[in-house]
Amino acid sequence: MTTIDQSPPIVLAIDDSELVHRLLRARLRHERIDLHSVGTAREGIEMAEKLQPDVILLDIELEDMDGFEVLAQLKANPNTQDIAVIFVSASNETMDRVRGLDLGAVDFVGKPFDVTELRARVRSALRMQRLLKMLSQRAQIDGLTGLWNRTYLDDRLASEVSGSVRYQTPLSFVLCDVDRFKNLNDTYGHPFGDEVLERVAGILSNGRGPDVACRYGGEEFGLIVPGTEVEEASELAGRYREEIELLRWVDRPGVSVTASFGVADLTTIDGSISPEALIAAADQALYRAKSEGRNRVVQAGPGKWPRSLVG
């Protein structure tokens, strides 16, 4: 099932004054945050993309680039555009504040710092970010199973494929389809069908830590398996297949529920590597599993020819 990150929020200070960095560390030392500091605008932009902080404390008067340009670049980058930015400046000019807010800053703190005000504004920005993350996360969670939904799967798989291509690491993708699910619904009712999906989801989400289980749609599930080649991912799918087949239903004694699996990794893609191509390879293997009699795992072969592993 999905989990909420419990690590301390990250705050990044971008200021060319070492004195300011020391003051921030002193003033915020009792706050539950992970504080990072850099002295130049360019370092700040790089660290923002690398660290993905929750809040940035940004000075307007930087030597290599003014804070307004830094903010504009952060907001223009999809990877940093949602980070909350608080301007920190000795300027009392109303137009500076207006310009910063218009560019997307969430707040403005004057120098020298008032300790109580600084803490309150940082806490307020962190609360806002936490709420936004919760709303965003809820929008990506399937209401029935508690797994990530298709929107999250698409975004996460694109990120994983990009990282695997860049660092030359293996990546597998598994598609799981509950066999004859429409018959189960029609015969025993939709509440039973919902129970089946919930229990299958529980099995798929109770695996290895790095794996990402998602509801692909209807009675289909997707499993992103990072750092894993197709053979190992197929073995994992085989264990899930067995667990699903061994499920027992208190209110429906004698009912057997099975599932079919299609497994692919980046080496099984026929043509250019992409998230869509990886899904297509797994989907082709799943189709083969269904056509060969269901309740089995089929592994996509090199290029495009799948082979059956479990019958």
C-alpha atoms as a PDB file:
ATOM      1  CA  MET A   1       0.000   0.000   0.000  1.00  0.00           C
ATOM      2  CA  THR A   2       1.063   3.608  -0.383  1.00  0.00           C
ATOM      3  CA  THR A   3       2.959   5.267   2.464  1.00  0.00           C
ATOM      4  CA  ILE A   4       3.563   8.854   3.512  1.00  0.00           C
ATOM      5  CA  ASP A   5       7.153  10.032   3.844  1.00  0.00           C
ATOM      6  CA  GLN A   6       7.996  10.656   7.527  1.00  0.00           C
ATOM      7  CA  SER A   7      11.459  12.175   6.963  1.00  0.00           C
ATOM      8  CA  PRO A   8      12.074  15.788   8.076  1.00  0.00           C
ATOM      9  CA  PRO A   9      11.152  18.406   5.462  1.00  0.00           C
ATOM     10  CA  ILE A  10      14.083  19.896   3.564  1.00  0.00           C
ATOM     11  CA  VAL A  11      14.790  23.626   3.613  1.00  0.00           C
ATOM     12  CA  LEU A  12      17.389  25.135   1.269  1.00  0.00           C
ATOM     13  CA  ALA A  13      18.908  28.556   2.015  1.00  0.00           C
ATOM     14  CA  ILE A  14      20.379  30.445  -0.949  1.00  0.00           C
ATOM     15  CA  ASP A  15      22.374  33.415   0.341  1.00  0.00           C
ATOM     16  CA  ASP A  16      25.891  34.740  -0.344  1.00  0.00           C
ATOM     17  CA  SER A  17      26.472  35.661   3.308  1.00  0.00           C
ATOM     18  CA  GLU A  18      28.024  33.034   5.578  1.00  0.00           C
ATOM     19  CA  LEU A  19      26.802  35.096   8.537  1.00  0.00           C
ATOM     20  CA  VAL A  20      23.218  34.673   7.325  1.00  0.00           C
ATOM     21  CA  HIS A  21      23.729  30.909   7.033  1.00  0.00           C
ATOM     22  CA  ARG A  22      24.998  30.764  10.613  1.00  0.00           C
ATOM     23  CA  LEU A  23      22.056  32.839  11.805  1.00  0.00           C
ATOM     24  CA  LEU A  24      19.597  30.574  10.008  1.00  0.00           C
ATOM     25  CA  ARG A  25      21.169  27.471  11.530  1.00  0.00           C
ATOM     26  CA  ALA A  26      20.972  29.076  14.970  1.00  0.00           C
ATOM     27  CA  ARG A  27      17.426  30.402  14.616  1.00  0.00           C
ATOM     28  CA  LEU A  28      16.011  27.215  13.104  1.00  0.00           C
ATOM     29  CA  ARG A  29      18.002  24.626  15.062  1.00  0.00           C
ATOM     30  CA  HIS A  30      15.000  23.575  17.124  1.00  0.00           C
ATOM     31  CA  GLU A  31      12.748  23.133  14.109  1.00  0.00           C
ATOM     32  CA  ARG A  32      12.286  19.631  12.728  1.00  0.00           C
ATOM     33  CA  ILE A  33      13.865  20.374   9.360  1.00  0.00           C
ATOM     34  CA  ASP A  34      16.856  19.287   7.293  1.00  0.00           C
ATOM     35  CA  LEU A  35      18.572  22.613   6.517  1.00  0.00           C
ATOM     36  CA  HIS A  36      20.978  22.975   3.579  1.00  0.00           C
ATOM     37  CA  SER A  37      22.881  26.123   2.573  1.00  0.00           C
ATOM     38  CA  VAL A  38      24.549  27.360  -0.610  1.00  0.00           C
ATOM     39  CA  GLY A  39      26.249  30.666  -1.386  1.00  0.00           C
ATOM     40  CA  THR A  40      25.522  31.303  -5.066  1.00  0.00           C
ATOM     41  CA  ALA A  41      22.483  31.421  -7.295  1.00  0.00           C
ATOM     42  CA  ARG A  42      23.784  28.771  -9.668  1.00  0.00           C
ATOM     43  CA  GLU A  43      24.570  26.396  -6.805  1.00  0.00           C
ATOM     44  CA  GLY A  44      21.089  27.054  -5.465  1.00  0.00           C
ATOM     45  CA  ILE A  45      19.378  26.182  -8.750  1.00  0.00           C
ATOM     46  CA  GLU A  46      21.411  22.962  -9.033  1.00  0.00           C
ATOM     47  CA  MET A  47      20.771  21.972  -5.406  1.00  0.00           C
ATOM     48  CA  ALA A  48      17.056  22.713  -5.735  1.00  0.00           C
ATOM     49  CA  GLU A  49      16.771  20.194  -8.554  1.00  0.00           C
ATOM     50  CA  LYS A  50      18.939  17.640  -6.757  1.00  0.00           C
ATOM     51  CA  LEU A  51      17.475  17.924  -3.239  1.00  0.00           C
ATOM     52  CA  GLN A  52      13.855  18.732  -4.121  1.00  0.00           C
ATOM     53  CA  PRO A  53      13.460  20.832  -0.942  1.00  0.00           C
ATOM     54  CA  ASP A  54      10.071  21.652   0.477  1.00  0.00           C
ATOM     55  CA  VAL A  55      10.980  25.301   1.043  1.00  0.00           C
ATOM     56  CA  ILE A  56      13.699  27.610  -0.301  1.00  0.00           C
ATOM     57  CA  LEU A  57      14.845  30.695   1.611  1.00  0.00           C
ATOM     58  CA  LEU A  58      16.091  32.930  -1.204  1.00  0.00           C
ATOM     59  CA  ASP A  59      18.049  36.183  -0.919  1.00  0.00           C
ATOM     60  CA  ILE A  60      17.252  38.858  -3.505  1.00  0.00           C
ATOM     61  CA  GLU A  61      20.735  40.419  -3.548  1.00  0.00           C
ATOM     62  CA  LEU A  62      22.975  37.612  -4.820  1.00  0.00           C
ATOM     63  CA  GLU A  63      26.297  38.315  -6.525  1.00  0.00           C
ATOM     64  CA  ASP A  64      26.025  36.071  -9.597  1.00  0.00           C
ATOM     65  CA  MET A  65      22.275  36.467 -10.282  1.00  0.00           C
ATOM     66  CA  ASP A  66      19.494  38.360  -8.519  1.00  0.00           C
ATOM     67  CA  GLY A  67      16.878  36.416  -6.608  1.00  0.00           C
ATOM     68  CA  PHE A  68      14.110  37.344  -9.036  1.00  0.00           C
ATOM     69  CA  GLU A  69      15.931  35.592 -11.896  1.00  0.00           C
ATOM     70  CA  VAL A  70      16.590  32.573  -9.671  1.00  0.00           C
ATOM     71  CA  LEU A  71      12.894  32.379  -8.831  1.00  0.00           C
ATOM     72  CA  ALA A  72      11.946  32.716 -12.507  1.00  0.00           C
ATOM     73  CA  GLN A  73      14.240  29.825 -13.428  1.00  0.00           C
ATOM     74  CA  LEU A  74      12.904  27.655 -10.610  1.00  0.00           C
ATOM     75  CA  LYS A  75       9.313  28.248 -11.696  1.00  0.00           C
ATOM     76  CA  ALA A  76      10.172  27.563 -15.353  1.00  0.00           C
ATOM     77  CA  ASN A  77      11.580  24.122 -14.490  1.00  0.00           C
ATOM     78  CA  PRO A  78       8.925  21.371 -14.060  1.00  0.00           C
ATOM     79  CA  ASN A  79      11.194  19.672 -11.508  1.00  0.00           C
ATOM     80  CA  THR A  80      11.333  22.716  -9.206  1.00  0.00           C
ATOM     81  CA  GLN A  81       8.239  24.744 -10.024  1.00  0.00           C
ATOM     82  CA  ASP A  82       6.230  23.462  -7.049  1.00  0.00           C
ATOM     83  CA  ILE A  83       8.843  24.278  -4.386  1.00  0.00           C
ATOM     84  CA  ALA A  84       7.711  27.011  -1.972  1.00  0.00           C
ATOM     85  CA  VAL A  85      10.049  30.017  -2.089  1.00  0.00           C
ATOM     86  CA  ILE A  86      10.326  32.583   0.696  1.00  0.00           C
ATOM     87  CA  PHE A  87      12.259  35.715  -0.203  1.00  0.00           C
ATOM     88  CA  VAL A  88      14.712  36.885   2.453  1.00  0.00           C
ATOM     89  CA  SER A  89      15.987  40.423   1.992  1.00  0.00           C
ATOM     90  CA  ALA A  90      17.005  43.624   3.714  1.00  0.00           C
ATOM     91  CA  SER A  91      14.968  45.542   1.125  1.00  0.00           C
ATOM     92  CA  ASN A  92      11.846  47.235   2.416  1.00  0.00           C
ATOM     93  CA  GLU A  93      10.703  48.282  -1.056  1.00  0.00           C
ATOM     94  CA  THR A  94       7.056  47.452  -1.629  1.00  0.00           C
ATOM     95  CA  MET A  95       7.699  46.831  -5.328  1.00  0.00           C
ATOM     96  CA  ASP A  96      10.300  44.177  -4.501  1.00  0.00           C
ATOM     97  CA  ARG A  97       7.731  42.337  -2.434  1.00  0.00           C
ATOM     98  CA  VAL A  98       5.059  42.694  -5.126  1.00  0.00           C
ATOM     99  CA  ARG A  99       7.435  41.528  -7.852  1.00  0.00           C
ATOM    100  CA  GLY A 100       8.505  38.507  -5.818  1.00  0.00           C
ATOM    101  CA  LEU A 101       4.927  37.485  -5.068  1.00  0.00           C
ATOM    102  CA  ASP A 102       3.940  37.964  -8.725  1.00  0.00           C
ATOM    103  CA  LEU A 103       6.769  35.659  -9.783  1.00  0.00           C
ATOM    104  CA  GLY A 104       5.501  32.938  -7.453  1.00  0.00           C
ATOM    105  CA  ALA A 105       7.125  33.477  -4.045  1.00  0.00           C
ATOM    106  CA  VAL A 106       4.873  32.452  -1.161  1.00  0.00           C
ATOM    107  CA  ASP A 107       6.227  34.872   1.454  1.00  0.00           C
ATOM    108  CA  PHE A 108       8.774  37.579   2.283  1.00  0.00           C
ATOM    109  CA  VAL A 109      10.984  37.840   5.394  1.00  0.00           C
ATOM    110  CA  GLY A 110      13.009  40.945   6.161  1.00  0.00           C
ATOM    111  CA  LYS A 111      16.566  41.150   7.428  1.00  0.00           C
ATOM    112  CA  PRO A 112      17.570  41.248  10.220  1.00  0.00           C
ATOM    113  CA  PHE A 113      15.437  38.269  11.199  1.00  0.00           C
ATOM    114  CA  ASP A 114      12.843  38.385  13.895  1.00  0.00           C
ATOM    115  CA  VAL A 115      13.194  34.876  15.322  1.00  0.00           C
ATOM    116  CA  THR A 116       9.507  34.333  16.033  1.00  0.00           C
ATOM    117  CA  GLU A 117       8.431  35.666  12.653  1.00  0.00           C
ATOM    118  CA  LEU A 118      11.010  33.620  10.742  1.00  0.00           C
ATOM    119  CA  ARG A 119       9.981  30.380  12.428  1.00  0.00           C
ATOM    120  CA  ALA A 120       6.283  31.121  11.916  1.00  0.00           C
ATOM    121  CA  ARG A 121       6.711  31.848   8.209  1.00  0.00           C
ATOM    122  CA  VAL A 122       8.806  28.748   7.614  1.00  0.00           C
ATOM    123  CA  ARG A 123       6.284  26.605   9.511  1.00  0.00           C
ATOM    124  CA  SER A 124       3.434  28.137   7.506  1.00  0.00           C
ATOM    125  CA  ALA A 125       5.168  27.397   4.195  1.00  0.00           C
ATOM    126  CA  LEU A 126       5.925  23.824   5.285  1.00  0.00           C
ATOM    127  CA  ARG A 127       2.301  23.267   6.342  1.00  0.00           C
ATOM    128  CA  MET A 128       1.110  24.510   2.974  1.00  0.00           C
ATOM    129  CA  GLN A 129       3.538  22.217   1.135  1.00  0.00           C
ATOM    130  CA  ARG A 130       2.499  19.253   3.274  1.00  0.00           C
ATOM    131  CA  LEU A 131      -1.168  19.856   2.479  1.00  0.00           C
ATOM    132  CA  LEU A 132      -0.451  20.228  -1.231  1.00  0.00           C
ATOM    133  CA  LYS A 133       1.536  16.983  -1.222  1.00  0.00           C
ATOM    134  CA  MET A 134      -1.271  15.173   0.598  1.00  0.00           C
ATOM    135  CA  LEU A 135      -3.827  16.431  -1.924  1.00  0.00           C
ATOM    136  CA  SER A 136      -1.580  15.478  -4.814  1.00  0.00           C
ATOM    137  CA  GLN A 137      -0.937  12.042  -3.331  1.00  0.00           C
ATOM    138  CA  ARG A 138      -4.611  11.386  -2.702  1.00  0.00           C
ATOM    139  CA  ALA A 139      -5.354  12.274  -6.329  1.00  0.00           C
ATOM    140  CA  GLN A 140      -2.939   9.510  -7.338  1.00  0.00           C
ATOM    141  CA  ILE A 141      -4.303   6.767  -5.074  1.00  0.00           C
ATOM    142  CA  ASP A 142      -6.908   4.251  -6.165  1.00  0.00           C
ATOM    143  CA  GLY A 143      -9.867   4.545  -3.818  1.00  0.00           C
ATOM    144  CA  LEU A 144     -10.729   0.840  -3.680  1.00  0.00           C
ATOM    145  CA  THR A 145      -7.355  -0.873  -3.356  1.00  0.00           C
ATOM    146  CA  GLY A 146      -5.211   1.879  -1.819  1.00  0.00           C
ATOM    147  CA  LEU A 147      -2.584   1.321  -4.505  1.00  0.00           C
ATOM    148  CA  TRP A 148      -1.149   4.043  -6.723  1.00  0.00           C
ATOM    149  CA  ASN A 149      -3.399   4.699  -9.730  1.00  0.00           C
ATOM    150  CA  ARG A 150      -2.680   4.763 -13.470  1.00  0.00           C
ATOM    151  CA  THR A 151      -1.687   8.433 -13.446  1.00  0.00           C
ATOM    152  CA  TYR A 152       1.013   7.780 -10.877  1.00  0.00           C
ATOM    153  CA  LEU A 153       2.132   4.640 -12.690  1.00  0.00           C
ATOM    154  CA  ASP A 154       2.643   6.529 -15.947  1.00  0.00           C
ATOM    155  CA  ASP A 155       4.670   9.278 -14.258  1.00  0.00           C
ATOM    156  CA  ARG A 156       6.733   6.900 -12.138  1.00  0.00           C
ATOM    157  CA  LEU A 157       7.450   4.492 -14.976  1.00  0.00           C
ATOM    158  CA  ALA A 158       8.639   7.335 -17.196  1.00  0.00           C
ATOM    159  CA  SER A 159      11.035   8.408 -14.432  1.00  0.00           C
ATOM    160  CA  GLU A 160      12.274   4.853 -13.854  1.00  0.00           C
ATOM    161  CA  VAL A 161      12.848   4.209 -17.571  1.00  0.00           C
ATOM    162  CA  SER A 162      14.767   7.463 -17.908  1.00  0.00           C
ATOM    163  CA  GLY A 163      16.955   6.604 -14.910  1.00  0.00           C
ATOM    164  CA  SER A 164      17.577   3.044 -16.094  1.00  0.00           C
ATOM    165  CA  VAL A 165      18.638   4.220 -19.554  1.00  0.00           C
ATOM    166  CA  ARG A 166      20.895   6.910 -18.094  1.00  0.00           C
ATOM    167  CA  TYR A 167      22.640   4.678 -15.561  1.00  0.00           C
ATOM    168  CA  GLN A 168      22.398   1.405 -17.514  1.00  0.00           C
ATOM    169  CA  THR A 169      20.502  -0.430 -14.769  1.00  0.00           C
ATOM    170  CA  PRO A 170      17.843  -3.126 -15.310  1.00  0.00           C
ATOM    171  CA  LEU A 171      14.138  -2.408 -15.009  1.00  0.00           C
ATOM    172  CA  SER A 172      11.178  -4.764 -15.303  1.00  0.00           C
ATOM    173  CA  PHE A 173       7.451  -4.209 -15.570  1.00  0.00           C
ATOM    174  CA  VAL A 174       4.746  -6.744 -14.706  1.00  0.00           C
ATOM    175  CA  LEU A 175       1.108  -6.715 -15.761  1.00  0.00           C
ATOM    176  CA  CYS A 176      -1.312  -8.820 -13.710  1.00  0.00           C
ATOM    177  CA  ASP A 177      -4.881  -9.595 -14.763  1.00  0.00           C
ATOM    178  CA  VAL A 178      -7.426 -11.379 -12.544  1.00  0.00           C
ATOM    179  CA  ASP A 179      -8.736 -14.302 -14.569  1.00  0.00           C
ATOM    180  CA  ARG A 180     -12.405 -14.341 -15.584  1.00  0.00           C
ATOM    181  CA  PHE A 181     -13.127 -11.377 -13.345  1.00  0.00           C
ATOM    182  CA  LYS A 182     -16.377 -10.479 -15.124  1.00  0.00           C
ATOM    183  CA  ASN A 183     -17.707 -13.964 -14.392  1.00  0.00           C
ATOM    184  CA  LEU A 184     -16.821 -13.541 -10.714  1.00  0.00           C
ATOM    185  CA  ASN A 185     -18.716 -10.244 -10.624  1.00  0.00           C
ATOM    186  CA  ASP A 186     -21.726 -11.620 -12.486  1.00  0.00           C
ATOM    187  CA  THR A 187     -21.894 -14.820 -10.435  1.00  0.00           C
ATOM    188  CA  TYR A 188     -21.143 -13.590  -6.921  1.00  0.00           C
ATOM    189  CA  GLY A 189     -21.827  -9.862  -7.109  1.00  0.00           C
ATOM    190  CA  HIS A 190     -19.741  -6.721  -7.191  1.00  0.00           C
ATOM    191  CA  PRO A 191     -18.987  -6.656  -3.439  1.00  0.00           C
ATOM    192  CA  PHE A 192     -17.194  -9.982  -3.861  1.00  0.00           C
ATOM    193  CA  GLY A 193     -15.421  -8.617  -6.927  1.00  0.00           C
ATOM    194  CA  ASP A 194     -14.233  -5.656  -4.866  1.00  0.00           C
ATOM    195  CA  GLU A 195     -12.962  -8.020  -2.174  1.00  0.00           C
ATOM    196  CA  VAL A 196     -11.006  -9.955  -4.780  1.00  0.00           C
ATOM    197  CA  LEU A 197      -9.337  -6.786  -6.057  1.00  0.00           C
ATOM    198  CA  GLU A 198      -8.499  -5.640  -2.523  1.00  0.00           C
ATOM    199  CA  ARG A 199      -6.895  -8.960  -1.566  1.00  0.00           C
ATOM    200  CA  VAL A 200      -4.939  -9.247  -4.812  1.00  0.00           C
ATOM    201  CA  ALA A 201      -3.739  -5.679  -4.292  1.00  0.00           C
ATOM    202  CA  GLY A 202      -2.623  -6.631  -0.782  1.00  0.00           C
ATOM    203  CA  ILE A 203      -0.484  -9.448  -2.145  1.00  0.00           C
ATOM    204  CA  LEU A 204       1.106  -7.335  -4.889  1.00  0.00           C
ATOM    205  CA  SER A 205       1.907  -4.484  -2.510  1.00  0.00           C
ATOM    206  CA  ASN A 206       3.462  -6.710   0.147  1.00  0.00           C
ATOM    207  CA  GLY A 207       6.611  -7.496  -1.784  1.00  0.00           C
ATOM    208  CA  ARG A 208      10.042  -5.925  -1.975  1.00  0.00           C
ATOM    209  CA  GLY A 209      10.584  -2.377  -0.774  1.00  0.00           C
ATOM    210  CA  PRO A 210      11.688  -0.787  -4.084  1.00  0.00           C
ATOM    211  CA  ASP A 211       8.820  -2.286  -6.107  1.00  0.00           C
ATOM    212  CA  VAL A 212       5.820  -0.104  -6.949  1.00  0.00           C
ATOM    213  CA  ALA A 213       2.380  -1.720  -7.197  1.00  0.00           C
ATOM    214  CA  CYS A 214      -0.366   0.179  -9.023  1.00  0.00           C
ATOM    215  CA  ARG A 215      -3.906  -0.432 -10.169  1.00  0.00           C
ATOM    216  CA  TYR A 216      -3.600  -0.291 -13.935  1.00  0.00           C
ATOM    217  CA  GLY A 217      -7.346  -0.277 -14.546  1.00  0.00           C
ATOM    218  CA  GLY A 218     -10.333  -2.543 -13.933  1.00  0.00           C
ATOM    219  CA  GLU A 219      -9.017  -5.939 -12.832  1.00  0.00           C
ATOM    220  CA  GLU A 220      -5.478  -5.236 -14.083  1.00  0.00           C
ATOM    221  CA  PHE A 221      -2.496  -4.284 -11.946  1.00  0.00           C
ATOM    222  CA  GLY A 222       0.930  -2.978 -12.871  1.00  0.00           C
ATOM    223  CA  LEU A 223       4.128  -3.629 -10.944  1.00  0.00           C
ATOM    224  CA  ILE A 224       7.269  -1.550 -11.520  1.00  0.00           C
ATOM    225  CA  VAL A 225      10.304  -3.623 -10.530  1.00  0.00           C
ATOM    226  CA  PRO A 226      13.492  -1.479 -10.493  1.00  0.00           C
ATOM    227  CA  GLY A 227      16.976  -2.982 -10.639  1.00  0.00           C
ATOM    228  CA  THR A 228      15.607  -6.324 -11.777  1.00  0.00           C
ATOM    229  CA  GLU A 229      15.977  -8.302 -14.993  1.00  0.00           C
ATOM    230  CA  VAL A 230      13.097 -10.137 -16.590  1.00  0.00           C
ATOM    231  CA  GLU A 231      14.009 -13.585 -15.229  1.00  0.00           C
ATOM    232  CA  GLU A 232      14.000 -12.450 -11.593  1.00  0.00           C
ATOM    233  CA  ALA A 233      10.840 -10.404 -12.104  1.00  0.00           C
ATOM    234  CA  SER A 234       9.187 -13.488 -13.593  1.00  0.00           C
ATOM    235  CA  GLU A 235      10.092 -15.511 -10.514  1.00  0.00           C
ATOM    236  CA  LEU A 236       8.561 -12.767  -8.371  1.00  0.00           C
ATOM    237  CA  ALA A 237       5.390 -12.825 -10.480  1.00  0.00           C
ATOM    238  CA  GLY A 238       5.306 -16.615 -10.100  1.00  0.00           C
ATOM    239  CA  ARG A 239       5.252 -16.304  -6.318  1.00  0.00           C
ATOM    240  CA  TYR A 240       2.415 -13.781  -6.531  1.00  0.00           C
ATOM    241  CA  ARG A 241       0.509 -16.115  -8.865  1.00  0.00           C
ATOM    242  CA  GLU A 242       0.795 -18.922  -6.331  1.00  0.00           C
ATOM    243  CA  GLU A 243      -0.293 -16.707  -3.417  1.00  0.00           C
ATOM    244  CA  ILE A 244      -3.375 -15.556  -5.318  1.00  0.00           C
ATOM    245  CA  GLU A 245      -4.323 -19.113  -6.226  1.00  0.00           C
ATOM    246  CA  LEU A 246      -4.025 -20.149  -2.554  1.00  0.00           C
ATOM    247  CA  LEU A 247      -6.435 -17.440  -1.355  1.00  0.00           C
ATOM    248  CA  ARG A 248      -9.458 -18.789   0.484  1.00  0.00           C
ATOM    249  CA  TRP A 249     -12.843 -17.069   0.651  1.00  0.00           C
ATOM    250  CA  VAL A 250     -14.787 -17.542   3.873  1.00  0.00           C
ATOM    251  CA  ASP A 251     -18.137 -16.562   2.377  1.00  0.00           C
ATOM    252  CA  ARG A 252     -17.502 -18.418  -0.878  1.00  0.00           C
ATOM    253  CA  PRO A 253     -16.022 -21.832  -0.021  1.00  0.00           C
ATOM    254  CA  GLY A 254     -14.808 -23.674  -3.076  1.00  0.00           C
ATOM    255  CA  VAL A 255     -14.341 -20.539  -5.160  1.00  0.00           C
ATOM    256  CA  SER A 256     -10.909 -20.302  -6.762  1.00  0.00           C
ATOM    257  CA  VAL A 257      -9.434 -17.024  -7.971  1.00  0.00           C
ATOM    258  CA  THR A 258      -6.419 -17.018 -10.266  1.00  0.00           C
ATOM    259  CA  ALA A 259      -4.421 -14.409 -12.149  1.00  0.00           C
ATOM    260  CA  SER A 260      -2.260 -14.227 -15.264  1.00  0.00           C
ATOM    261  CA  PHE A 261       0.995 -12.286 -15.551  1.00  0.00           C
ATOM    262  CA  GLY A 262       2.993 -10.757 -18.381  1.00  0.00           C
ATOM    263  CA  VAL A 263       6.576  -9.722 -17.593  1.00  0.00           C
ATOM    264  CA  ALA A 264       9.010  -7.599 -19.610  1.00  0.00           C
ATOM    265  CA  ASP A 265      12.218  -5.666 -19.093  1.00  0.00           C
ATOM    266  CA  LEU A 266      14.071  -3.129 -21.214  1.00  0.00           C
ATOM    267  CA  THR A 267      15.919  -5.847 -23.136  1.00  0.00           C
ATOM    268  CA  THR A 268      12.633  -7.346 -24.382  1.00  0.00           C
ATOM    269  CA  ILE A 269      11.485  -4.170 -26.111  1.00  0.00           C
ATOM    270  CA  ASP A 270      11.212  -4.375 -29.896  1.00  0.00           C
ATOM    271  CA  GLY A 271      12.447  -0.969 -31.093  1.00  0.00           C
ATOM    272  CA  SER A 272      13.078   2.270 -29.236  1.00  0.00           C
ATOM    273  CA  ILE A 273      13.041   2.158 -25.444  1.00  0.00           C
ATOM    274  CA  SER A 274      10.146   4.034 -23.853  1.00  0.00           C
ATOM    275  CA  PRO A 275       7.630   3.516 -21.030  1.00  0.00           C
ATOM    276  CA  GLU A 276       4.952   2.790 -23.622  1.00  0.00           C
ATOM    277  CA  ALA A 277       7.130   0.171 -25.305  1.00  0.00           C
ATOM    278  CA  LEU A 278       7.833  -1.533 -21.971  1.00  0.00           C
ATOM    279  CA  ILE A 279       4.123  -1.676 -21.147  1.00  0.00           C
ATOM    280  CA  ALA A 280       3.390  -2.996 -24.641  1.00  0.00           C
ATOM    281  CA  ALA A 281       5.930  -5.798 -24.222  1.00  0.00           C
ATOM    282  CA  ALA A 282       4.404  -6.823 -20.887  1.00  0.00           C
ATOM    283  CA  ASP A 283       0.905  -6.551 -22.339  1.00  0.00           C
ATOM    284  CA  GLN A 284       1.846  -8.833 -25.236  1.00  0.00           C
ATOM    285  CA  ALA A 285       3.201 -11.389 -22.773  1.00  0.00           C
ATOM    286  CA  LEU A 286       0.005 -11.083 -20.690  1.00  0.00           C
ATOM    287  CA  TYR A 287      -2.116 -11.668 -23.799  1.00  0.00           C
ATOM    288  CA  ARG A 288      -0.141 -14.822 -24.444  1.00  0.00           C
ATOM    289  CA  ALA A 289      -0.705 -15.957 -20.832  1.00  0.00           C
ATOM    290  CA  LYS A 290      -4.456 -15.472 -21.201  1.00  0.00           C
ATOM    291  CA  SER A 291      -4.612 -17.217 -24.572  1.00  0.00           C
ATOM    292  CA  GLU A 292      -2.597 -20.205 -23.324  1.00  0.00           C
ATOM    293  CA  GLY A 293      -5.100 -20.969 -20.588  1.00  0.00           C
ATOM    294  CA  ARG A 294      -4.629 -18.312 -17.862  1.00  0.00           C
ATOM    295  CA  ASN A 295      -3.183 -18.752 -14.341  1.00  0.00           C
ATOM    296  CA  ARG A 296       0.389 -18.537 -15.583  1.00  0.00           C
ATOM    297  CA  VAL A 297       3.344 -16.208 -15.994  1.00  0.00           C
ATOM    298  CA  VAL A 298       4.621 -15.434 -19.478  1.00  0.00           C
ATOM    299  CA  GLN A 299       7.939 -13.706 -19.922  1.00  0.00           C
ATOM    300  CA  ALA A 300       8.554 -11.493 -22.938  1.00  0.00           C
ATOM    301  CA  GLY A 301      11.562 -12.685 -24.893  1.00  0.00           C
ATOM    302  CA  PRO A 302      14.245 -10.640 -26.644  1.00  0.00           C
ATOM    303  CA  GLY A 303      12.638  -8.390 -29.216  1.00  0.00           C
ATOM    304  CA  LYS A 304       8.991  -9.425 -29.160  1.00  0.00           C
ATOM    305  CA  TRP A 305       8.490 -13.194 -28.712  1.00  0.00           C
ATOM    306  CA  PRO A 306       7.167 -14.157 -25.272  1.00  0.00           C
ATOM    307  CA  ARG A 307       7.721 -17.554 -23.717  1.00  0.00           C
ATOM    308  CA  SER A 308       5.568 -19.299 -21.145  1.00  0.00           C
ATOM    309  CA  LEU A 309       7.191 -19.967 -17.766  1.00  0.00           C
ATOM    310  CA  VAL A 310       4.385 -21.194 -15.531  1.00  0.00           C
ATOM    311  CA  GLY A 311       1.439 -23.283 -16.502  1.00  0.00           C
END
